[in-house]
Amino acid sequence: MDGDGTEDLIWRNVQDGRNSVYYMANGVIREQKLLPQVGTAWSLAKVEDFNGDGKVDFLWRNESFGGRNIVHIMDNTNRIAAGVVKPVGGTWFMAD
């Protein structure tokens, strides 16, 4: 999440939409920070560096409204941009 080469943990509270990250170091929580809150109808579908800046971004999916998708471009814990990704209809599903 912070580009230090160590995998970090992302947590989501499905009751209120709060999100947080645990920055890890050698299997120990080094720091905890809150991430932007996202409504409870949304699920975190993908964590990936979508814009190539070396920092992870989030793809959120809402199955309740016909498969809406939103990408959050992140700078560590700050959302710097967001955009809607047009849903693909029919029998298409997101691949890993």
PDB file of N, CA and C in Angstrom:
ATOM      1  N   MET A   1       0.822  -1.199   0.000  1.00  0.00           N
ATOM      2  CA  MET A   1       0.000   0.000   0.000  1.00  0.00           C
ATOM      3  C   MET A   1       0.865   1.262   0.000  1.00  0.00           C
ATOM      4  N   ASP A   2       1.971   1.226   0.742  1.00  0.00           N
ATOM      5  CA  ASP A   2       2.814   2.425   0.826  1.00  0.00           C
ATOM      6  C   ASP A   2       4.091   2.321  -0.004  1.00  0.00           C
ATOM      7  N   GLY A   3       4.220   1.242  -0.785  1.00  0.00           N
ATOM      8  CA  GLY A   3       5.353   1.116  -1.689  1.00  0.00           C
ATOM      9  C   GLY A   3       6.649   0.676  -1.052  1.00  0.00           C
ATOM     10  N   ASP A   4       6.619   0.156   0.192  1.00  0.00           N
ATOM     11  CA  ASP A   4       7.857  -0.268   0.847  1.00  0.00           C
ATOM     12  C   ASP A   4       8.232  -1.711   0.539  1.00  0.00           C
ATOM     13  N   GLY A   5       7.458  -2.383  -0.324  1.00  0.00           N
ATOM     14  CA  GLY A   5       7.757  -3.761  -0.694  1.00  0.00           C
ATOM     15  C   GLY A   5       7.167  -4.799   0.241  1.00  0.00           C
ATOM     16  N   THR A   6       6.521  -4.371   1.311  1.00  0.00           N
ATOM     17  CA  THR A   6       5.874  -5.275   2.261  1.00  0.00           C
ATOM     18  C   THR A   6       4.368  -5.207   2.042  1.00  0.00           C
ATOM     19  N   GLU A   7       3.722  -6.380   2.006  1.00  0.00           N
ATOM     20  CA  GLU A   7       2.269  -6.389   1.835  1.00  0.00           C
ATOM     21  C   GLU A   7       1.590  -5.868   3.088  1.00  0.00           C
ATOM     22  N   ASP A   8       0.590  -5.033   2.885  1.00  0.00           N
ATOM     23  CA  ASP A   8      -0.173  -4.449   3.978  1.00  0.00           C
ATOM     24  C   ASP A   8      -1.588  -5.029   3.955  1.00  0.00           C
ATOM     25  N   LEU A   9      -2.348  -4.811   5.012  1.00  0.00           N
ATOM     26  CA  LEU A   9      -3.693  -5.362   5.127  1.00  0.00           C
ATOM     27  C   LEU A   9      -4.735  -4.257   5.018  1.00  0.00           C
ATOM     28  N   ILE A  10      -5.764  -4.500   4.219  1.00  0.00           N
ATOM     29  CA  ILE A  10      -6.877  -3.568   4.087  1.00  0.00           C
ATOM     30  C   ILE A  10      -8.090  -4.203   4.753  1.00  0.00           C
ATOM     31  N   TRP A  11      -8.736  -3.437   5.631  1.00  0.00           N
ATOM     32  CA  TRP A  11      -9.900  -3.907   6.376  1.00  0.00           C
ATOM     33  C   TRP A  11     -11.112  -3.076   5.989  1.00  0.00           C
ATOM     34  N   ARG A  12     -12.280  -3.735   5.939  1.00  0.00           N
ATOM     35  CA  ARG A  12     -13.533  -3.045   5.604  1.00  0.00           C
ATOM     36  C   ARG A  12     -14.606  -3.425   6.614  1.00  0.00           C
ATOM     37  N   ASN A  13     -15.287  -2.417   7.146  1.00  0.00           N
ATOM     38  CA  ASN A  13     -16.418  -2.638   8.037  1.00  0.00           C
ATOM     39  C   ASN A  13     -17.675  -2.635   7.169  1.00  0.00           C
ATOM     40  N   VAL A  14     -18.277  -3.809   6.965  1.00  0.00           N
ATOM     41  CA  VAL A  14     -19.418  -3.928   6.057  1.00  0.00           C
ATOM     42  C   VAL A  14     -20.698  -3.339   6.640  1.00  0.00           C
ATOM     43  N   GLN A  15     -20.709  -3.024   7.924  1.00  0.00           N
ATOM     44  CA  GLN A  15     -21.904  -2.436   8.537  1.00  0.00           C
ATOM     45  C   GLN A  15     -21.994  -0.930   8.333  1.00  0.00           C
ATOM     46  N   ASP A  16     -20.842  -0.247   8.266  1.00  0.00           N
ATOM     47  CA  ASP A  16     -20.894   1.212   8.118  1.00  0.00           C
ATOM     48  C   ASP A  16     -20.035   1.760   6.973  1.00  0.00           C
ATOM     49  N   GLY A  17     -19.308   0.911   6.247  1.00  0.00           N
ATOM     50  CA  GLY A  17     -18.533   1.347   5.094  1.00  0.00           C
ATOM     51  C   GLY A  17     -17.172   1.939   5.398  1.00  0.00           C
ATOM     52  N   ARG A  18     -16.752   1.898   6.684  1.00  0.00           N
ATOM     53  CA  ARG A  18     -15.413   2.409   7.009  1.00  0.00           C
ATOM     54  C   ARG A  18     -14.352   1.432   6.504  1.00  0.00           C
ATOM     55  N   ASN A  19     -13.183   1.982   6.150  1.00  0.00           N
ATOM     56  CA  ASN A  19     -12.059   1.194   5.642  1.00  0.00           C
ATOM     57  C   ASN A  19     -10.786   1.663   6.321  1.00  0.00           C
ATOM     58  N   SER A  20      -9.873   0.732   6.535  1.00  0.00           N
ATOM     59  CA  SER A  20      -8.583   1.115   7.111  1.00  0.00           C
ATOM     60  C   SER A  20      -7.491   0.215   6.553  1.00  0.00           C
ATOM     61  N   VAL A  21      -6.269   0.662   6.727  1.00  0.00           N
ATOM     62  CA  VAL A  21      -5.115  -0.109   6.287  1.00  0.00           C
ATOM     63  C   VAL A  21      -4.192  -0.315   7.476  1.00  0.00           C
ATOM     64  N   TYR A  22      -3.664  -1.522   7.580  1.00  0.00           N
ATOM     65  CA  TYR A  22      -2.602  -1.828   8.536  1.00  0.00           C
ATOM     66  C   TYR A  22      -1.313  -1.911   7.733  1.00  0.00           C
ATOM     67  N   TYR A  23      -0.400  -0.979   7.967  1.00  0.00           N
ATOM     68  CA  TYR A  23       0.918  -1.039   7.354  1.00  0.00           C
ATOM     69  C   TYR A  23       1.742  -2.038   8.155  1.00  0.00           C
ATOM     70  N   MET A  24       2.282  -3.037   7.472  1.00  0.00           N
ATOM     71  CA  MET A  24       2.971  -4.133   8.140  1.00  0.00           C
ATOM     72  C   MET A  24       4.492  -4.019   7.969  1.00  0.00           C
ATOM     73  N   ALA A  25       5.214  -4.578   8.938  1.00  0.00           N
ATOM     74  CA  ALA A  25       6.673  -4.683   8.883  1.00  0.00           C
ATOM     75  C   ALA A  25       7.068  -5.945   9.634  1.00  0.00           C
ATOM     76  N   ASN A  26       7.617  -6.910   8.929  1.00  0.00           N
ATOM     77  CA  ASN A  26       8.058  -8.171   9.533  1.00  0.00           C
ATOM     78  C   ASN A  26       6.942  -8.859  10.317  1.00  0.00           C
ATOM     79  N   GLY A  27       5.724  -8.846   9.759  1.00  0.00           N
ATOM     80  CA  GLY A  27       4.597  -9.521  10.385  1.00  0.00           C
ATOM     81  C   GLY A  27       3.964  -8.782  11.546  1.00  0.00           C
ATOM     82  N   VAL A  28       4.380  -7.542  11.782  1.00  0.00           N
ATOM     83  CA  VAL A  28       3.866  -6.741  12.891  1.00  0.00           C
ATOM     84  C   VAL A  28       3.214  -5.475  12.324  1.00  0.00           C
ATOM     85  N   ILE A  29       2.099  -5.055  12.934  1.00  0.00           N
ATOM     86  CA  ILE A  29       1.448  -3.817  12.507  1.00  0.00           C
ATOM     87  C   ILE A  29       2.342  -2.640  12.880  1.00  0.00           C
ATOM     88  N   ARG A  30       2.804  -1.918  11.855  1.00  0.00           N
ATOM     89  CA  ARG A  30       3.662  -0.753  12.055  1.00  0.00           C
ATOM     90  C   ARG A  30       2.835   0.511  12.285  1.00  0.00           C
ATOM     91  N   GLU A  31       1.696   0.593  11.575  1.00  0.00           N
ATOM     92  CA  GLU A  31       0.855   1.785  11.649  1.00  0.00           C
ATOM     93  C   GLU A  31      -0.528   1.445  11.105  1.00  0.00           C
ATOM     94  N   GLN A  32      -1.549   2.117  11.615  1.00  0.00           N
ATOM     95  CA  GLN A  32      -2.910   1.955  11.110  1.00  0.00           C
ATOM     96  C   GLN A  32      -3.442   3.315  10.698  1.00  0.00           C
ATOM     97  N   LYS A  33      -4.078   3.378   9.509  1.00  0.00           N
ATOM     98  CA  LYS A  33      -4.665   4.629   9.029  1.00  0.00           C
ATOM     99  C   LYS A  33      -6.025   4.346   8.413  1.00  0.00           C
ATOM    100  N   LEU A  34      -6.902   5.343   8.503  1.00  0.00           N
ATOM    101  CA  LEU A  34      -8.212   5.235   7.878  1.00  0.00           C
ATOM    102  C   LEU A  34      -8.120   5.552   6.394  1.00  0.00           C
ATOM    103  N   LEU A  35      -8.940   4.862   5.616  1.00  0.00           N
ATOM    104  CA  LEU A  35      -9.093   5.110   4.191  1.00  0.00           C
ATOM    105  C   LEU A  35     -10.446   5.786   3.973  1.00  0.00           C
ATOM    106  N   PRO A  36     -10.691   6.354   2.792  1.00  0.00           N
ATOM    107  CA  PRO A  36     -11.996   6.962   2.547  1.00  0.00           C
ATOM    108  C   PRO A  36     -13.135   5.958   2.744  1.00  0.00           C
ATOM    109  N   GLN A  37     -14.221   6.433   3.328  1.00  0.00           N
ATOM    110  CA  GLN A  37     -15.394   5.597   3.565  1.00  0.00           C
ATOM    111  C   GLN A  37     -16.168   5.436   2.260  1.00  0.00           C
ATOM    112  N   VAL A  38     -16.695   4.234   2.042  1.00  0.00           N
ATOM    113  CA  VAL A  38     -17.478   3.922   0.844  1.00  0.00           C
ATOM    114  C   VAL A  38     -18.759   3.246   1.309  1.00  0.00           C
ATOM    115  N   GLY A  39     -19.878   3.571   0.697  1.00  0.00           N
ATOM    116  CA  GLY A  39     -21.171   3.028   1.101  1.00  0.00           C
ATOM    117  C   GLY A  39     -21.185   1.513   1.215  1.00  0.00           C
ATOM    118  N   THR A  40     -22.069   1.012   2.044  1.00  0.00           N
ATOM    119  CA  THR A  40     -22.099  -0.422   2.352  1.00  0.00           C
ATOM    120  C   THR A  40     -22.562  -1.289   1.184  1.00  0.00           C
ATOM    121  N   ALA A  41     -23.175  -0.710   0.163  1.00  0.00           N
ATOM    122  CA  ALA A  41     -23.593  -1.494  -1.001  1.00  0.00           C
ATOM    123  C   ALA A  41     -22.418  -1.823  -1.917  1.00  0.00           C
ATOM    124  N   TRP A  42     -21.271  -1.199  -1.670  1.00  0.00           N
ATOM    125  CA  TRP A  42     -20.087  -1.391  -2.513  1.00  0.00           C
ATOM    126  C   TRP A  42     -19.152  -2.419  -1.895  1.00  0.00           C
ATOM    127  N   SER A  43     -18.508  -3.211  -2.762  1.00  0.00           N
ATOM    128  CA  SER A  43     -17.492  -4.158  -2.293  1.00  0.00           C
ATOM    129  C   SER A  43     -16.183  -3.873  -3.025  1.00  0.00           C
ATOM    130  N   LEU A  44     -15.085  -4.128  -2.350  1.00  0.00           N
ATOM    131  CA  LEU A  44     -13.763  -3.909  -2.933  1.00  0.00           C
ATOM    132  C   LEU A  44     -13.467  -5.065  -3.882  1.00  0.00           C
ATOM    133  N   ALA A  45     -13.480  -4.774  -5.180  1.00  0.00           N
ATOM    134  CA  ALA A  45     -13.338  -5.810  -6.196  1.00  0.00           C
ATOM    135  C   ALA A  45     -11.884  -6.061  -6.587  1.00  0.00           C
ATOM    136  N   LYS A  46     -11.054  -5.022  -6.558  1.00  0.00           N
ATOM    137  CA  LYS A  46      -9.671  -5.172  -7.023  1.00  0.00           C
ATOM    138  C   LYS A  46      -8.805  -4.101  -6.378  1.00  0.00           C
ATOM    139  N   VAL A  47      -7.606  -4.479  -5.999  1.00  0.00           N
ATOM    140  CA  VAL A  47      -6.587  -3.556  -5.495  1.00  0.00           C
ATOM    141  C   VAL A  47      -5.416  -3.670  -6.463  1.00  0.00           C
ATOM    142  N   GLU A  48      -5.137  -2.586  -7.172  1.00  0.00           N
ATOM    143  CA  GLU A  48      -4.158  -2.628  -8.260  1.00  0.00           C
ATOM    144  C   GLU A  48      -3.640  -1.217  -8.495  1.00  0.00           C
ATOM    145  N   ASP A  49      -2.478  -1.089  -9.102  1.00  0.00           N
ATOM    146  CA  ASP A  49      -1.950   0.221  -9.492  1.00  0.00           C
ATOM    147  C   ASP A  49      -2.485   0.542 -10.886  1.00  0.00           C
ATOM    148  N   PHE A  50      -3.645   1.171 -10.962  1.00  0.00           N
ATOM    149  CA  PHE A  50      -4.296   1.423 -12.243  1.00  0.00           C
ATOM    150  C   PHE A  50      -3.648   2.546 -13.048  1.00  0.00           C
ATOM    151  N   ASN A  51      -3.017   3.508 -12.398  1.00  0.00           N
ATOM    152  CA  ASN A  51      -2.446   4.644 -13.135  1.00  0.00           C
ATOM    153  C   ASN A  51      -0.923   4.610 -13.237  1.00  0.00           C
ATOM    154  N   GLY A  52      -0.285   3.548 -12.750  1.00  0.00           N
ATOM    155  CA  GLY A  52       1.152   3.370 -12.935  1.00  0.00           C
ATOM    156  C   GLY A  52       2.040   4.267 -12.100  1.00  0.00           C
ATOM    157  N   ASP A  53       1.522   4.810 -10.981  1.00  0.00           N
ATOM    158  CA  ASP A  53       2.340   5.687 -10.141  1.00  0.00           C
ATOM    159  C   ASP A  53       3.064   4.944  -9.021  1.00  0.00           C
ATOM    160  N   GLY A  54       2.945   3.613  -8.998  1.00  0.00           N
ATOM    161  CA  GLY A  54       3.609   2.822  -7.962  1.00  0.00           C
ATOM    162  C   GLY A  54       2.814   2.697  -6.679  1.00  0.00           C
ATOM    163  N   LYS A  55       1.606   3.240  -6.643  1.00  0.00           N
ATOM    164  CA  LYS A  55       0.747   3.171  -5.452  1.00  0.00           C
ATOM    165  C   LYS A  55      -0.547   2.462  -5.815  1.00  0.00           C
ATOM    166  N   VAL A  56      -1.072   1.675  -4.875  1.00  0.00           N
ATOM    167  CA  VAL A  56      -2.276   0.910  -5.178  1.00  0.00           C
ATOM    168  C   VAL A  56      -3.505   1.807  -5.253  1.00  0.00           C
ATOM    169  N   ASP A  57      -4.421   1.409  -6.112  1.00  0.00           N
ATOM    170  CA  ASP A  57      -5.704   2.066  -6.292  1.00  0.00           C
ATOM    171  C   ASP A  57      -6.793   1.018  -6.060  1.00  0.00           C
ATOM    172  N   PHE A  58      -8.041   1.462  -5.953  1.00  0.00           N
ATOM    173  CA  PHE A  58      -9.136   0.554  -5.622  1.00  0.00           C
ATOM    174  C   PHE A  58     -10.208   0.567  -6.705  1.00  0.00           C
ATOM    175  N   LEU A  59     -10.693  -0.611  -7.037  1.00  0.00           N
ATOM    176  CA  LEU A  59     -11.866  -0.755  -7.890  1.00  0.00           C
ATOM    177  C   LEU A  59     -13.000  -1.258  -7.013  1.00  0.00           C
ATOM    178  N   TRP A  60     -14.043  -0.437  -6.878  1.00  0.00           N
ATOM    179  CA  TRP A  60     -15.221  -0.772  -6.078  1.00  0.00           C
ATOM    180  C   TRP A  60     -16.335  -1.207  -7.011  1.00  0.00           C
ATOM    181  N   ARG A  61     -17.117  -2.214  -6.575  1.00  0.00           N
ATOM    182  CA  ARG A  61     -18.211  -2.745  -7.395  1.00  0.00           C
ATOM    183  C   ARG A  61     -19.495  -2.769  -6.576  1.00  0.00           C
ATOM    184  N   ASN A  62     -20.579  -2.370  -7.229  1.00  0.00           N
ATOM    185  CA  ASN A  62     -21.896  -2.375  -6.605  1.00  0.00           C
ATOM    186  C   ASN A  62     -22.815  -3.259  -7.438  1.00  0.00           C
ATOM    187  N   GLU A  63     -23.059  -4.465  -6.974  1.00  0.00           N
ATOM    188  CA  GLU A  63     -23.910  -5.417  -7.692  1.00  0.00           C
ATOM    189  C   GLU A  63     -25.378  -5.012  -7.644  1.00  0.00           C
ATOM    190  N   SER A  64     -25.775  -4.220  -6.656  1.00  0.00           N
ATOM    191  CA  SER A  64     -27.183  -3.853  -6.469  1.00  0.00           C
ATOM    192  C   SER A  64     -27.733  -3.003  -7.606  1.00  0.00           C
ATOM    193  N   PHE A  65     -26.904  -2.239  -8.255  1.00  0.00           N
ATOM    194  CA  PHE A  65     -27.349  -1.327  -9.302  1.00  0.00           C
ATOM    195  C   PHE A  65     -26.808  -1.733 -10.668  1.00  0.00           C
ATOM    196  N   GLY A  66     -26.967  -2.985 -11.025  1.00  0.00           N
ATOM    197  CA  GLY A  66     -26.565  -3.450 -12.348  1.00  0.00           C
ATOM    198  C   GLY A  66     -25.074  -3.561 -12.556  1.00  0.00           C
ATOM    199  N   GLY A  67     -24.323  -3.730 -11.499  1.00  0.00           N
ATOM    200  CA  GLY A  67     -22.884  -3.919 -11.630  1.00  0.00           C
ATOM    201  C   GLY A  67     -22.111  -2.641 -11.874  1.00  0.00           C
ATOM    202  N   ARG A  68     -22.427  -1.582 -11.146  1.00  0.00           N
ATOM    203  CA  ARG A  68     -21.672  -0.328 -11.277  1.00  0.00           C
ATOM    204  C   ARG A  68     -20.268  -0.493 -10.709  1.00  0.00           C
ATOM    205  N   ASN A  69     -19.323   0.207 -11.325  1.00  0.00           N
ATOM    206  CA  ASN A  69     -17.921   0.150 -10.914  1.00  0.00           C
ATOM    207  C   ASN A  69     -17.381   1.561 -10.771  1.00  0.00           C
ATOM    208  N   ILE A  70     -16.567   1.762  -9.741  1.00  0.00           N
ATOM    209  CA  ILE A  70     -15.892   3.047  -9.537  1.00  0.00           C
ATOM    210  C   ILE A  70     -14.428   2.764  -9.213  1.00  0.00           C
ATOM    211  N   VAL A  71     -13.531   3.509  -9.843  1.00  0.00           N
ATOM    212  CA  VAL A  71     -12.106   3.410  -9.537  1.00  0.00           C
ATOM    213  C   VAL A  71     -11.723   4.601  -8.671  1.00  0.00           C
ATOM    214  N   HIS A  72     -11.030   4.324  -7.573  1.00  0.00           N
ATOM    215  CA  HIS A  72     -10.463   5.375  -6.729  1.00  0.00           C
ATOM    216  C   HIS A  72      -8.953   5.366  -6.940  1.00  0.00           C
ATOM    217  N   ILE A  73      -8.437   6.448  -7.474  1.00  0.00           N
ATOM    218  CA  ILE A  73      -6.995   6.618  -7.633  1.00  0.00           C
ATOM    219  C   ILE A  73      -6.488   7.177  -6.307  1.00  0.00           C
ATOM    220  N   MET A  74      -5.537   6.459  -5.719  1.00  0.00           N
ATOM    221  CA  MET A  74      -5.091   6.772  -4.366  1.00  0.00           C
ATOM    222  C   MET A  74      -3.657   7.288  -4.344  1.00  0.00           C
ATOM    223  N   ASP A  75      -3.374   8.111  -3.353  1.00  0.00           N
ATOM    224  CA  ASP A  75      -2.017   8.500  -2.977  1.00  0.00           C
ATOM    225  C   ASP A  75      -1.884   8.082  -1.518  1.00  0.00           C
ATOM    226  N   ASN A  76      -1.457   6.856  -1.317  1.00  0.00           N
ATOM    227  CA  ASN A  76      -1.463   6.195  -0.008  1.00  0.00           C
ATOM    228  C   ASN A  76      -2.890   6.149   0.529  1.00  0.00           C
ATOM    229  N   THR A  77      -3.239   6.903   1.563  1.00  0.00           N
ATOM    230  CA  THR A  77      -4.592   6.834   2.118  1.00  0.00           C
ATOM    231  C   THR A  77      -5.509   7.939   1.599  1.00  0.00           C
ATOM    232  N   ASN A  78      -5.026   8.774   0.696  1.00  0.00           N
ATOM    233  CA  ASN A  78      -5.827   9.878   0.158  1.00  0.00           C
ATOM    234  C   ASN A  78      -6.353   9.547  -1.232  1.00  0.00           C
ATOM    235  N   ARG A  79      -7.653   9.689  -1.413  1.00  0.00           N
ATOM    236  CA  ARG A  79      -8.254   9.520  -2.738  1.00  0.00           C
ATOM    237  C   ARG A  79      -8.017  10.813  -3.506  1.00  0.00           C
ATOM    238  N   ILE A  80      -7.272  10.734  -4.621  1.00  0.00           N
ATOM    239  CA  ILE A  80      -6.956  11.939  -5.384  1.00  0.00           C
ATOM    240  C   ILE A  80      -7.833  12.085  -6.625  1.00  0.00           C
ATOM    241  N   ALA A  81      -8.489  10.997  -7.036  1.00  0.00           N
ATOM    242  CA  ALA A  81      -9.399  11.047  -8.183  1.00  0.00           C
ATOM    243  C   ALA A  81     -10.325   9.843  -8.110  1.00  0.00           C
ATOM    244  N   ALA A  82     -11.471   9.977  -8.750  1.00  0.00           N
ATOM    245  CA  ALA A  82     -12.420   8.866  -8.829  1.00  0.00           C
ATOM    246  C   ALA A  82     -13.109   8.932 -10.177  1.00  0.00           C
ATOM    247  N   GLY A  83     -13.430   7.774 -10.712  1.00  0.00           N
ATOM    248  CA  GLY A  83     -14.123   7.734 -11.990  1.00  0.00           C
ATOM    249  C   GLY A  83     -14.983   6.499 -12.112  1.00  0.00           C
ATOM    250  N   VAL A  84     -16.065   6.648 -12.849  1.00  0.00           N
ATOM    251  CA  VAL A  84     -16.980   5.538 -13.091  1.00  0.00           C
ATOM    252  C   VAL A  84     -16.438   4.697 -14.239  1.00  0.00           C
ATOM    253  N   VAL A  85     -16.471   3.388 -14.068  1.00  0.00           N
ATOM    254  CA  VAL A  85     -16.112   2.449 -15.124  1.00  0.00           C
ATOM    255  C   VAL A  85     -17.418   1.853 -15.627  1.00  0.00           C
ATOM    256  N   LYS A  86     -17.704   2.059 -16.885  1.00  0.00           N
ATOM    257  CA  LYS A  86     -18.973   1.601 -17.454  1.00  0.00           C
ATOM    258  C   LYS A  86     -19.118   0.090 -17.279  1.00  0.00           C
ATOM    259  N   PRO A  87     -20.280  -0.359 -16.771  1.00  0.00           N
ATOM    260  CA  PRO A  87     -20.473  -1.800 -16.601  1.00  0.00           C
ATOM    261  C   PRO A  87     -20.589  -2.508 -17.944  1.00  0.00           C
ATOM    262  N   VAL A  88     -20.170  -3.746 -17.951  1.00  0.00           N
ATOM    263  CA  VAL A  88     -20.292  -4.595 -19.127  1.00  0.00           C
ATOM    264  C   VAL A  88     -21.464  -5.522 -18.864  1.00  0.00           C
ATOM    265  N   GLY A  89     -22.417  -5.542 -19.736  1.00  0.00           N
ATOM    266  CA  GLY A  89     -23.636  -6.311 -19.503  1.00  0.00           C
ATOM    267  C   GLY A  89     -23.525  -7.766 -19.912  1.00  0.00           C
ATOM    268  N   GLY A  90     -24.672  -8.407 -19.866  1.00  0.00           N
ATOM    269  CA  GLY A  90     -24.766  -9.787 -20.327  1.00  0.00           C
ATOM    270  C   GLY A  90     -24.084 -10.779 -19.419  1.00  0.00           C
ATOM    271  N   THR A  91     -23.285 -11.634 -20.009  1.00  0.00           N
ATOM    272  CA  THR A  91     -22.652 -12.731 -19.271  1.00  0.00           C
ATOM    273  C   THR A  91     -21.208 -12.440 -18.905  1.00  0.00           C
ATOM    274  N   TRP A  92     -20.799 -11.177 -18.915  1.00  0.00           N
ATOM    275  CA  TRP A  92     -19.424 -10.813 -18.585  1.00  0.00           C
ATOM    276  C   TRP A  92     -19.261 -10.633 -17.083  1.00  0.00           C
ATOM    277  N   PHE A  93     -18.155 -11.153 -16.561  1.00  0.00           N
ATOM    278  CA  PHE A  93     -17.825 -11.012 -15.150  1.00  0.00           C
ATOM    279  C   PHE A  93     -16.369 -10.610 -15.022  1.00  0.00           C
ATOM    280  N   MET A  94     -16.023  -9.966 -13.911  1.00  0.00           N
ATOM    281  CA  MET A  94     -14.655  -9.535 -13.679  1.00  0.00           C
ATOM    282  C   MET A  94     -13.743 -10.741 -13.452  1.00  0.00           C
ATOM    283  N   ALA A  95     -12.651 -10.799 -14.183  1.00  0.00           N
ATOM    284  CA  ALA A  95     -11.667 -11.877 -14.030  1.00  0.00           C
ATOM    285  C   ALA A  95     -10.595 -11.442 -13.054  1.00  0.00           C
ATOM    286  N   ASP A  96      -9.969 -12.398 -12.419  1.00  0.00           N
ATOM    287  CA  ASP A  96      -8.884 -12.103 -11.485  1.00  0.00           C
ATOM    288  C   ASP A  96      -7.631 -11.716 -12.207  1.00  0.00           C
TER     289      ASP A  96
END
